[in-house]
Amino acid sequence: MKKKLIETSRKSYKLWFNSMSDQEREELSAIGIQCRADAQFFKQEILDIHSHLNNLKLKENRLLFNKFINRFLALIPKNIHSYIDRESLEADSDYRAWLINRQMFVFNYLIAKSNFDLSKGENYSHILWSPVIDSATPQQCYDFNNKIFKITDIEFQRSATEHWSKPKKGCKCSLISINNRQAEKYISL
């Protein structure tokens, strides 16, 4: 599943990047921006787009910058578009980071669910909700710190849907797929 998701993202990114004119790609290359879909450590298009949005020279070219902002938005699920503040999206790297963390949370869940399905529930049956805790972490993230759920748990699905429904500045929650033995060991601590 992971390889399939990455490959789909890689193809989509190349297609979008190559849809730009030769002149636009030359301008991007001149400021250090290239499509890195073929890079060894490529994971998801949205991560690459985010890194480009931090390029100050790209911000000076409003036309190209807006193309990257629009592409970033196209990668975000439509059901949260009404909550997205475009001005914050353009100006605030932390705001964009929340949107990326949301995408990667879902990405990690899909991989964990696929591992669960492939092992018929015998191996990777749990997920660990693991926020990065720092001075900017919202209280709601603390409530999920190191909480373990079964992959099929409806409470997890409800909690994740609610947690990620609106942008929360400072939220850096992620998921880690763990096996039964790890879950039992962790629960007994």
N, C-alpha and C. Protein backbone atom coordinates (compact mmCIF):
# COMPACT_ATOMS: atom_id res chain seq x y z
N MET A 1 0.83 -1.20 0.00
CA MET A 1 0.00 0.00 0.00
C MET A 1 0.87 1.25 0.00
N LYS A 2 1.91 1.24 0.84
CA LYS A 2 2.78 2.42 0.93
C LYS A 2 3.40 2.73 -0.44
N LYS A 3 3.93 1.70 -1.09
CA LYS A 3 4.55 1.90 -2.40
C LYS A 3 3.53 2.42 -3.41
N LYS A 4 2.33 1.89 -3.34
CA LYS A 4 1.27 2.32 -4.27
C LYS A 4 0.92 3.79 -4.05
N LEU A 5 0.77 4.20 -2.79
CA LEU A 5 0.44 5.59 -2.48
C LEU A 5 1.56 6.53 -2.92
N ILE A 6 2.80 6.12 -2.67
CA ILE A 6 3.94 6.95 -3.06
C ILE A 6 4.03 7.04 -4.59
N GLU A 7 3.84 5.92 -5.25
CA GLU A 7 3.94 5.92 -6.72
C GLU A 7 2.83 6.77 -7.35
N THR A 8 1.64 6.70 -6.80
CA THR A 8 0.53 7.53 -7.29
C THR A 8 0.86 9.01 -7.12
N SER A 9 1.40 9.36 -5.95
CA SER A 9 1.78 10.75 -5.69
C SER A 9 2.90 11.19 -6.62
N ARG A 10 3.85 10.32 -6.83
CA ARG A 10 4.99 10.61 -7.71
C ARG A 10 4.51 10.91 -9.14
N LYS A 11 3.63 10.08 -9.66
CA LYS A 11 3.12 10.27 -11.03
C LYS A 11 2.31 11.55 -11.14
N SER A 12 1.47 11.79 -10.16
CA SER A 12 0.63 12.99 -10.17
C SER A 12 1.48 14.25 -10.13
N TYR A 13 2.52 14.22 -9.31
CA TYR A 13 3.42 15.37 -9.18
C TYR A 13 4.14 15.66 -10.50
N LYS A 14 4.67 14.61 -11.12
CA LYS A 14 5.36 14.78 -12.40
C LYS A 14 4.42 15.37 -13.45
N LEU A 15 3.21 14.84 -13.49
CA LEU A 15 2.23 15.32 -14.46
C LEU A 15 1.93 16.80 -14.25
N TRP A 16 1.71 17.20 -13.00
CA TRP A 16 1.43 18.60 -12.70
C TRP A 16 2.64 19.48 -13.04
N PHE A 17 3.81 19.09 -12.59
CA PHE A 17 5.01 19.90 -12.81
C PHE A 17 5.28 20.05 -14.31
N ASN A 18 5.11 18.97 -15.05
CA ASN A 18 5.38 19.01 -16.48
C ASN A 18 4.30 19.74 -17.27
N SER A 19 3.17 20.04 -16.63
CA SER A 19 2.12 20.80 -17.31
C SER A 19 2.47 22.29 -17.40
N MET A 20 3.49 22.70 -16.66
CA MET A 20 3.94 24.10 -16.74
C MET A 20 4.71 24.31 -18.05
N SER A 21 4.74 25.54 -18.47
CA SER A 21 5.46 25.86 -19.71
C SER A 21 6.97 25.69 -19.51
N ASP A 22 7.68 25.58 -20.61
CA ASP A 22 9.15 25.48 -20.55
C ASP A 22 9.73 26.69 -19.84
N GLN A 23 9.18 27.87 -20.14
CA GLN A 23 9.68 29.10 -19.52
C GLN A 23 9.46 29.07 -18.00
N GLU A 24 8.30 28.60 -17.57
CA GLU A 24 8.04 28.52 -16.12
C GLU A 24 9.00 27.54 -15.45
N ARG A 25 9.22 26.39 -16.07
CA ARG A 25 10.15 25.41 -15.49
C ARG A 25 11.57 25.96 -15.45
N GLU A 26 11.95 26.75 -16.46
CA GLU A 26 13.28 27.38 -16.46
C GLU A 26 13.39 28.39 -15.32
N GLU A 27 12.34 29.19 -15.12
CA GLU A 27 12.33 30.16 -14.02
C GLU A 27 12.43 29.45 -12.68
N LEU A 28 11.72 28.36 -12.54
CA LEU A 28 11.76 27.59 -11.29
C LEU A 28 13.15 27.01 -11.07
N SER A 29 13.72 26.46 -12.12
CA SER A 29 15.07 25.89 -12.02
C SER A 29 16.08 26.95 -11.60
N ALA A 30 15.92 28.17 -12.11
CA ALA A 30 16.84 29.27 -11.79
C ALA A 30 16.79 29.66 -10.32
N ILE A 31 15.67 29.37 -9.65
CA ILE A 31 15.57 29.69 -8.22
C ILE A 31 15.68 28.43 -7.35
N GLY A 32 16.13 27.34 -7.96
CA GLY A 32 16.41 26.13 -7.20
C GLY A 32 15.23 25.20 -6.99
N ILE A 33 14.19 25.36 -7.79
CA ILE A 33 13.01 24.51 -7.64
C ILE A 33 12.93 23.54 -8.80
N GLN A 34 12.88 22.26 -8.44
CA GLN A 34 12.75 21.20 -9.43
C GLN A 34 11.73 20.19 -8.92
N CYS A 35 11.17 19.45 -9.84
CA CYS A 35 10.29 18.35 -9.46
C CYS A 35 11.18 17.24 -8.91
N ARG A 36 10.99 16.90 -7.65
CA ARG A 36 11.84 15.88 -7.04
C ARG A 36 11.10 14.55 -6.88
N ALA A 37 10.16 14.32 -7.78
CA ALA A 37 9.37 13.08 -7.71
C ALA A 37 10.25 11.84 -7.84
N ASP A 38 11.36 11.96 -8.54
CA ASP A 38 12.25 10.81 -8.71
C ASP A 38 13.36 10.74 -7.67
N ALA A 39 13.32 11.64 -6.70
CA ALA A 39 14.35 11.63 -5.65
C ALA A 39 14.22 10.35 -4.82
N GLN A 40 15.32 9.88 -4.32
CA GLN A 40 15.36 8.62 -3.57
C GLN A 40 14.42 8.63 -2.36
N PHE A 41 14.34 9.74 -1.65
CA PHE A 41 13.56 9.77 -0.42
C PHE A 41 12.20 10.44 -0.59
N PHE A 42 11.72 10.53 -1.82
CA PHE A 42 10.40 11.11 -2.08
C PHE A 42 9.33 10.30 -1.34
N LYS A 43 8.42 11.02 -0.66
CA LYS A 43 7.36 10.32 0.07
C LYS A 43 5.98 10.76 -0.41
N GLN A 44 5.73 12.05 -0.42
CA GLN A 44 4.43 12.57 -0.86
C GLN A 44 4.64 13.93 -1.51
N GLU A 45 3.87 14.19 -2.54
CA GLU A 45 3.98 15.45 -3.29
C GLU A 45 3.80 16.66 -2.38
N ILE A 46 2.86 16.60 -1.46
CA ILE A 46 2.55 17.76 -0.62
C ILE A 46 3.77 18.21 0.19
N LEU A 47 4.63 17.27 0.56
CA LEU A 47 5.85 17.63 1.31
C LEU A 47 6.80 18.44 0.44
N ASP A 48 6.92 18.05 -0.81
CA ASP A 48 7.80 18.77 -1.73
C ASP A 48 7.23 20.15 -2.05
N ILE A 49 5.93 20.21 -2.29
CA ILE A 49 5.28 21.50 -2.58
C ILE A 49 5.48 22.45 -1.40
N HIS A 50 5.32 21.93 -0.18
CA HIS A 50 5.51 22.76 1.02
C HIS A 50 6.92 23.32 1.09
N SER A 51 7.91 22.50 0.81
CA SER A 51 9.29 23.00 0.87
C SER A 51 9.51 24.09 -0.17
N HIS A 52 8.89 23.97 -1.33
CA HIS A 52 9.02 25.00 -2.36
C HIS A 52 8.31 26.29 -1.94
N LEU A 53 7.21 26.18 -1.23
CA LEU A 53 6.47 27.38 -0.80
C LEU A 53 7.28 28.21 0.20
N ASN A 54 8.29 27.60 0.80
CA ASN A 54 9.17 28.34 1.72
C ASN A 54 10.30 29.06 0.98
N ASN A 55 10.39 28.87 -0.32
CA ASN A 55 11.43 29.51 -1.14
C ASN A 55 11.06 30.99 -1.33
N LEU A 56 11.86 31.88 -0.77
CA LEU A 56 11.57 33.32 -0.82
C LEU A 56 11.53 33.85 -2.25
N LYS A 57 12.36 33.30 -3.12
CA LYS A 57 12.37 33.77 -4.51
C LYS A 57 11.09 33.35 -5.23
N LEU A 58 10.53 32.21 -4.86
CA LEU A 58 9.25 31.80 -5.44
C LEU A 58 8.16 32.77 -5.01
N LYS A 59 8.19 33.20 -3.76
CA LYS A 59 7.18 34.14 -3.26
C LYS A 59 7.20 35.46 -4.03
N GLU A 60 8.36 35.83 -4.55
CA GLU A 60 8.47 37.08 -5.31
C GLU A 60 7.78 36.98 -6.68
N ASN A 61 7.65 35.78 -7.19
CA ASN A 61 6.98 35.57 -8.47
C ASN A 61 5.54 35.12 -8.16
N ARG A 62 4.63 36.08 -8.05
CA ARG A 62 3.26 35.80 -7.60
C ARG A 62 2.55 34.78 -8.49
N LEU A 63 2.79 34.83 -9.78
CA LEU A 63 2.12 33.90 -10.68
C LEU A 63 2.51 32.46 -10.37
N LEU A 64 3.81 32.21 -10.28
CA LEU A 64 4.27 30.86 -9.97
C LEU A 64 3.94 30.46 -8.53
N PHE A 65 4.09 31.40 -7.61
CA PHE A 65 3.76 31.11 -6.21
C PHE A 65 2.29 30.68 -6.10
N ASN A 66 1.41 31.39 -6.80
CA ASN A 66 -0.01 31.02 -6.77
C ASN A 66 -0.27 29.66 -7.38
N LYS A 67 0.50 29.28 -8.39
CA LYS A 67 0.37 27.94 -8.95
C LYS A 67 0.70 26.89 -7.89
N PHE A 68 1.74 27.15 -7.10
CA PHE A 68 2.12 26.20 -6.06
C PHE A 68 1.09 26.19 -4.92
N ILE A 69 0.57 27.35 -4.57
CA ILE A 69 -0.49 27.41 -3.54
C ILE A 69 -1.72 26.65 -4.03
N ASN A 70 -2.10 26.87 -5.27
CA ASN A 70 -3.26 26.17 -5.83
C ASN A 70 -3.04 24.66 -5.87
N ARG A 71 -1.81 24.25 -6.17
CA ARG A 71 -1.52 22.81 -6.19
C ARG A 71 -1.58 22.25 -4.77
N PHE A 72 -1.05 22.99 -3.82
CA PHE A 72 -1.12 22.57 -2.41
C PHE A 72 -2.58 22.36 -2.03
N LEU A 73 -3.43 23.32 -2.39
CA LEU A 73 -4.87 23.22 -2.08
C LEU A 73 -5.51 22.02 -2.78
N ALA A 74 -5.08 21.74 -3.99
CA ALA A 74 -5.65 20.61 -4.73
C ALA A 74 -5.33 19.28 -4.06
N LEU A 75 -4.28 19.25 -3.26
CA LEU A 75 -3.88 18.02 -2.57
C LEU A 75 -4.58 17.84 -1.23
N ILE A 76 -5.30 18.86 -0.79
CA ILE A 76 -6.02 18.83 0.48
C ILE A 76 -7.45 18.37 0.20
N PRO A 77 -7.99 17.47 1.03
CA PRO A 77 -9.38 17.02 0.80
C PRO A 77 -10.36 18.19 0.76
N LYS A 78 -11.28 18.12 -0.17
CA LYS A 78 -12.25 19.21 -0.38
C LYS A 78 -13.12 19.46 0.85
N ASN A 79 -13.34 18.44 1.68
CA ASN A 79 -14.23 18.62 2.83
C ASN A 79 -13.67 19.58 3.88
N ILE A 80 -12.38 19.93 3.81
CA ILE A 80 -11.87 20.91 4.77
C ILE A 80 -11.51 22.24 4.11
N HIS A 81 -11.77 22.37 2.82
CA HIS A 81 -11.46 23.62 2.12
C HIS A 81 -12.16 24.82 2.74
N SER A 82 -13.38 24.63 3.24
CA SER A 82 -14.12 25.77 3.81
C SER A 82 -13.44 26.30 5.07
N TYR A 83 -12.59 25.50 5.71
CA TYR A 83 -11.89 25.93 6.92
C TYR A 83 -10.53 26.56 6.62
N ILE A 84 -10.09 26.45 5.39
CA ILE A 84 -8.74 26.91 5.05
C ILE A 84 -8.74 28.41 4.77
N ASP A 85 -7.83 29.09 5.42
CA ASP A 85 -7.64 30.53 5.23
C ASP A 85 -6.47 30.70 4.24
N ARG A 86 -6.79 31.12 3.03
CA ARG A 86 -5.77 31.21 1.99
C ARG A 86 -4.64 32.16 2.38
N GLU A 87 -4.98 33.27 3.04
CA GLU A 87 -3.95 34.22 3.46
C GLU A 87 -2.95 33.56 4.41
N SER A 88 -3.46 32.79 5.37
CA SER A 88 -2.58 32.06 6.29
C SER A 88 -1.79 31.00 5.54
N LEU A 89 -2.44 30.35 4.60
CA LEU A 89 -1.78 29.32 3.81
C LEU A 89 -0.58 29.89 3.06
N GLU A 90 -0.75 31.09 2.51
CA GLU A 90 0.34 31.72 1.76
C GLU A 90 1.46 32.22 2.67
N ALA A 91 1.11 32.71 3.85
CA ALA A 91 2.08 33.41 4.69
C ALA A 91 2.67 32.58 5.83
N ASP A 92 1.99 31.54 6.25
CA ASP A 92 2.35 30.87 7.50
C ASP A 92 2.77 29.42 7.26
N SER A 93 4.05 29.16 7.39
CA SER A 93 4.57 27.81 7.20
C SER A 93 4.00 26.84 8.23
N ASP A 94 3.76 27.29 9.46
CA ASP A 94 3.17 26.42 10.49
C ASP A 94 1.75 26.01 10.12
N TYR A 95 1.03 26.92 9.53
CA TYR A 95 -0.34 26.62 9.09
C TYR A 95 -0.30 25.53 8.02
N ARG A 96 0.60 25.69 7.06
CA ARG A 96 0.75 24.66 6.03
C ARG A 96 1.20 23.34 6.64
N ALA A 97 2.05 23.42 7.65
CA ALA A 97 2.54 22.21 8.30
C ALA A 97 1.40 21.42 8.92
N TRP A 98 0.40 22.11 9.50
CA TRP A 98 -0.75 21.40 10.07
C TRP A 98 -1.46 20.61 8.98
N LEU A 99 -1.65 21.25 7.83
CA LEU A 99 -2.33 20.57 6.73
C LEU A 99 -1.53 19.36 6.25
N ILE A 100 -0.22 19.50 6.24
CA ILE A 100 0.64 18.37 5.85
C ILE A 100 0.56 17.26 6.89
N ASN A 101 0.63 17.63 8.16
CA ASN A 101 0.53 16.62 9.22
C ASN A 101 -0.77 15.84 9.11
N ARG A 102 -1.84 16.55 8.76
CA ARG A 102 -3.13 15.90 8.58
C ARG A 102 -3.04 14.87 7.45
N GLN A 103 -2.45 15.27 6.34
CA GLN A 103 -2.30 14.37 5.21
C GLN A 103 -1.47 13.14 5.58
N MET A 104 -0.38 13.37 6.29
CA MET A 104 0.51 12.26 6.65
C MET A 104 -0.13 11.35 7.70
N PHE A 105 -0.96 11.90 8.57
CA PHE A 105 -1.71 11.11 9.55
C PHE A 105 -2.60 10.11 8.79
N VAL A 106 -3.32 10.62 7.80
CA VAL A 106 -4.20 9.76 6.99
C VAL A 106 -3.35 8.76 6.20
N PHE A 107 -2.25 9.21 5.63
CA PHE A 107 -1.33 8.34 4.88
C PHE A 107 -0.87 7.18 5.77
N ASN A 108 -0.44 7.49 7.00
CA ASN A 108 0.03 6.46 7.92
C ASN A 108 -1.09 5.51 8.33
N TYR A 109 -2.31 6.04 8.47
CA TYR A 109 -3.46 5.19 8.80
C TYR A 109 -3.73 4.21 7.65
N LEU A 110 -3.73 4.70 6.43
CA LEU A 110 -4.00 3.84 5.28
C LEU A 110 -2.97 2.71 5.18
N ILE A 111 -1.73 3.03 5.47
CA ILE A 111 -0.68 2.01 5.45
C ILE A 111 -0.90 1.00 6.58
N ALA A 112 -1.21 1.50 7.78
CA ALA A 112 -1.46 0.61 8.92
C ALA A 112 -2.66 -0.30 8.63
N LYS A 113 -3.70 0.27 8.06
CA LYS A 113 -4.91 -0.51 7.74
C LYS A 113 -4.59 -1.56 6.69
N SER A 114 -3.79 -1.22 5.71
CA SER A 114 -3.39 -2.18 4.69
C SER A 114 -2.57 -3.31 5.30
N ASN A 115 -1.62 -2.97 6.19
CA ASN A 115 -0.82 -4.00 6.87
C ASN A 115 -1.72 -4.92 7.68
N PHE A 116 -2.71 -4.35 8.35
CA PHE A 116 -3.67 -5.12 9.14
C PHE A 116 -4.44 -6.08 8.23
N ASP A 117 -4.95 -5.56 7.12
CA ASP A 117 -5.72 -6.38 6.19
C ASP A 117 -4.87 -7.50 5.60
N LEU A 118 -3.63 -7.18 5.22
CA LEU A 118 -2.75 -8.19 4.62
C LEU A 118 -2.38 -9.29 5.61
N SER A 119 -2.24 -8.93 6.89
CA SER A 119 -1.88 -9.93 7.90
C SER A 119 -3.12 -10.58 8.50
N LYS A 120 -4.30 -10.22 7.99
CA LYS A 120 -5.58 -10.73 8.49
C LYS A 120 -5.73 -10.46 9.98
N GLY A 121 -5.20 -9.32 10.41
CA GLY A 121 -5.34 -8.91 11.80
C GLY A 121 -4.42 -9.62 12.77
N GLU A 122 -3.54 -10.47 12.25
CA GLU A 122 -2.69 -11.26 13.14
C GLU A 122 -1.44 -10.52 13.60
N ASN A 123 -1.03 -9.51 12.88
CA ASN A 123 0.21 -8.86 13.25
C ASN A 123 -0.01 -7.40 13.60
N TYR A 124 -0.05 -6.54 12.62
CA TYR A 124 -0.17 -5.10 12.89
C TYR A 124 -1.63 -4.72 13.09
N SER A 125 -2.11 -4.85 14.31
CA SER A 125 -3.53 -4.62 14.60
C SER A 125 -3.78 -3.36 15.40
N HIS A 126 -2.72 -2.65 15.78
CA HIS A 126 -2.87 -1.46 16.62
C HIS A 126 -2.14 -0.26 16.01
N ILE A 127 -2.57 0.91 16.42
CA ILE A 127 -1.90 2.14 16.05
C ILE A 127 -1.69 2.98 17.31
N LEU A 128 -0.57 3.64 17.33
CA LEU A 128 -0.20 4.50 18.45
C LEU A 128 -0.33 5.94 17.98
N TRP A 129 -1.18 6.70 18.66
CA TRP A 129 -1.35 8.13 18.34
C TRP A 129 -0.20 8.83 19.05
N SER A 130 0.64 9.47 18.29
CA SER A 130 1.88 9.99 18.84
C SER A 130 2.12 11.45 18.44
N PRO A 131 1.62 12.40 19.23
CA PRO A 131 1.90 13.80 18.92
C PRO A 131 3.32 14.18 19.34
N VAL A 132 3.90 15.11 18.60
CA VAL A 132 5.15 15.72 19.03
C VAL A 132 4.76 16.78 20.06
N ILE A 133 5.26 16.64 21.27
CA ILE A 133 4.89 17.56 22.35
C ILE A 133 5.97 18.63 22.47
N ASP A 134 5.54 19.88 22.31
CA ASP A 134 6.43 21.02 22.52
C ASP A 134 5.60 22.18 23.06
N SER A 135 6.20 23.34 23.16
CA SER A 135 5.51 24.48 23.77
C SER A 135 4.32 24.97 22.95
N ALA A 136 4.23 24.58 21.68
CA ALA A 136 3.12 25.03 20.83
C ALA A 136 1.99 24.00 20.73
N THR A 137 2.16 22.86 21.38
CA THR A 137 1.18 21.78 21.26
C THR A 137 -0.14 22.15 21.93
N PRO A 138 -1.26 22.05 21.18
CA PRO A 138 -2.57 22.33 21.79
C PRO A 138 -2.94 21.25 22.81
N GLN A 139 -3.76 21.61 23.78
CA GLN A 139 -4.16 20.68 24.83
C GLN A 139 -4.81 19.42 24.26
N GLN A 140 -5.59 19.57 23.22
CA GLN A 140 -6.28 18.42 22.65
C GLN A 140 -5.29 17.33 22.21
N CYS A 141 -4.11 17.74 21.77
CA CYS A 141 -3.10 16.76 21.36
C CYS A 141 -2.56 15.99 22.56
N TYR A 142 -2.42 16.67 23.69
CA TYR A 142 -1.96 15.99 24.91
C TYR A 142 -2.91 14.86 25.29
N ASP A 143 -4.20 15.07 25.04
CA ASP A 143 -5.20 14.06 25.39
C ASP A 143 -4.99 12.75 24.64
N PHE A 144 -4.34 12.80 23.50
CA PHE A 144 -4.10 11.59 22.70
C PHE A 144 -2.67 11.08 22.82
N ASN A 145 -1.86 11.73 23.61
CA ASN A 145 -0.45 11.37 23.71
C ASN A 145 -0.28 9.90 24.06
N ASN A 146 0.34 9.15 23.15
CA ASN A 146 0.65 7.74 23.32
C ASN A 146 -0.57 6.86 23.57
N LYS A 147 -1.70 7.27 23.04
CA LYS A 147 -2.91 6.46 23.17
C LYS A 147 -2.91 5.39 22.08
N ILE A 148 -3.25 4.18 22.48
CA ILE A 148 -3.26 3.05 21.56
C ILE A 148 -4.70 2.71 21.19
N PHE A 149 -4.90 2.48 19.90
CA PHE A 149 -6.21 2.07 19.39
C PHE A 149 -6.04 0.82 18.55
N LYS A 150 -7.08 0.01 18.49
CA LYS A 150 -7.12 -1.04 17.48
C LYS A 150 -7.44 -0.34 16.16
N ILE A 151 -6.89 -0.86 15.09
CA ILE A 151 -7.08 -0.23 13.79
C ILE A 151 -8.55 -0.15 13.41
N THR A 152 -9.33 -1.12 13.81
CA THR A 152 -10.74 -1.16 13.45
C THR A 152 -11.63 -0.40 14.44
N ASP A 153 -11.05 0.24 15.42
CA ASP A 153 -11.79 0.90 16.50
C ASP A 153 -12.58 2.12 15.98
N ILE A 154 -13.88 2.08 16.18
CA ILE A 154 -14.75 3.19 15.78
C ILE A 154 -14.41 4.45 16.58
N GLU A 155 -14.03 4.29 17.85
CA GLU A 155 -13.64 5.45 18.67
C GLU A 155 -12.46 6.18 18.04
N PHE A 156 -11.50 5.42 17.52
CA PHE A 156 -10.36 6.04 16.85
C PHE A 156 -10.83 6.85 15.65
N GLN A 157 -11.66 6.25 14.82
CA GLN A 157 -12.13 6.93 13.62
C GLN A 157 -12.90 8.21 13.96
N ARG A 158 -13.73 8.14 14.99
CA ARG A 158 -14.47 9.32 15.42
C ARG A 158 -13.51 10.40 15.95
N SER A 159 -12.59 9.98 16.80
CA SER A 159 -11.63 10.92 17.39
C SER A 159 -10.75 11.57 16.33
N ALA A 160 -10.26 10.77 15.39
CA ALA A 160 -9.40 11.31 14.33
C ALA A 160 -10.17 12.28 13.44
N THR A 161 -11.39 11.93 13.10
CA THR A 161 -12.21 12.81 12.26
C THR A 161 -12.44 14.14 12.95
N GLU A 162 -12.78 14.09 14.23
CA GLU A 162 -13.02 15.33 14.98
C GLU A 162 -11.72 16.13 15.14
N HIS A 163 -10.65 15.45 15.50
CA HIS A 163 -9.37 16.11 15.76
C HIS A 163 -8.86 16.87 14.53
N TRP A 164 -9.01 16.27 13.36
CA TRP A 164 -8.45 16.84 12.14
C TRP A 164 -9.47 17.62 11.32
N SER A 165 -10.65 17.89 11.86
CA SER A 165 -11.69 18.55 11.08
C SER A 165 -11.42 20.04 10.84
N LYS A 166 -10.70 20.68 11.76
CA LYS A 166 -10.38 22.10 11.61
C LYS A 166 -8.91 22.32 11.97
N PRO A 167 -8.26 23.26 11.30
CA PRO A 167 -6.84 23.52 11.59
C PRO A 167 -6.59 23.90 13.05
N LYS A 168 -5.53 23.31 13.62
CA LYS A 168 -5.10 23.61 14.98
C LYS A 168 -3.62 23.97 14.92
N LYS A 169 -3.32 25.20 15.17
CA LYS A 169 -1.93 25.63 15.14
C LYS A 169 -1.14 24.88 16.22
N GLY A 170 -0.01 24.36 15.84
CA GLY A 170 0.86 23.66 16.78
C GLY A 170 0.64 22.16 16.84
N CYS A 171 -0.40 21.65 16.21
CA CYS A 171 -0.67 20.21 16.23
C CYS A 171 0.32 19.50 15.32
N LYS A 172 1.01 18.52 15.89
CA LYS A 172 1.95 17.71 15.12
C LYS A 172 1.72 16.24 15.45
N CYS A 173 0.47 15.83 15.41
CA CYS A 173 0.13 14.44 15.72
C CYS A 173 0.48 13.53 14.55
N SER A 174 0.88 12.32 14.89
CA SER A 174 1.13 11.32 13.86
C SER A 174 0.68 9.96 14.38
N LEU A 175 0.72 8.99 13.50
CA LEU A 175 0.35 7.62 13.85
C LEU A 175 1.52 6.70 13.59
N ILE A 176 1.61 5.69 14.44
CA ILE A 176 2.63 4.67 14.26
C ILE A 176 1.92 3.32 14.32
N SER A 177 2.15 2.50 13.32
CA SER A 177 1.58 1.16 13.30
C SER A 177 2.42 0.28 14.23
N ILE A 178 1.74 -0.43 15.13
CA ILE A 178 2.46 -1.32 16.05
C ILE A 178 1.80 -2.70 16.03
N ASN A 179 2.60 -3.71 16.35
CA ASN A 179 2.05 -5.06 16.35
C ASN A 179 1.44 -5.39 17.71
N ASN A 180 0.80 -6.54 17.79
CA ASN A 180 0.11 -6.95 19.01
C ASN A 180 1.03 -6.98 20.22
N ARG A 181 2.21 -7.55 20.04
CA ARG A 181 3.17 -7.67 21.14
C ARG A 181 3.58 -6.29 21.65
N GLN A 182 3.87 -5.37 20.74
CA GLN A 182 4.23 -4.01 21.15
C GLN A 182 3.08 -3.34 21.88
N ALA A 183 1.87 -3.54 21.40
CA ALA A 183 0.70 -2.93 22.04
C ALA A 183 0.52 -3.47 23.45
N GLU A 184 0.64 -4.78 23.61
CA GLU A 184 0.50 -5.39 24.94
C GLU A 184 1.57 -4.88 25.89
N LYS A 185 2.80 -4.80 25.42
CA LYS A 185 3.90 -4.32 26.24
C LYS A 185 3.66 -2.86 26.64
N TYR A 186 3.22 -2.07 25.69
CA TYR A 186 2.99 -0.65 25.94
C TYR A 186 1.84 -0.45 26.92
N ILE A 187 0.78 -1.21 26.76
CA ILE A 187 -0.39 -1.08 27.63
C ILE A 187 -0.04 -1.47 29.06
N SER A 188 0.87 -2.44 29.23
CA SER A 188 1.22 -2.90 30.58
C SER A 188 2.16 -1.95 31.31
N LEU A 189 2.70 -0.95 30.64
CA LEU A 189 3.61 0.01 31.29
C LEU A 189 2.88 0.88 32.27
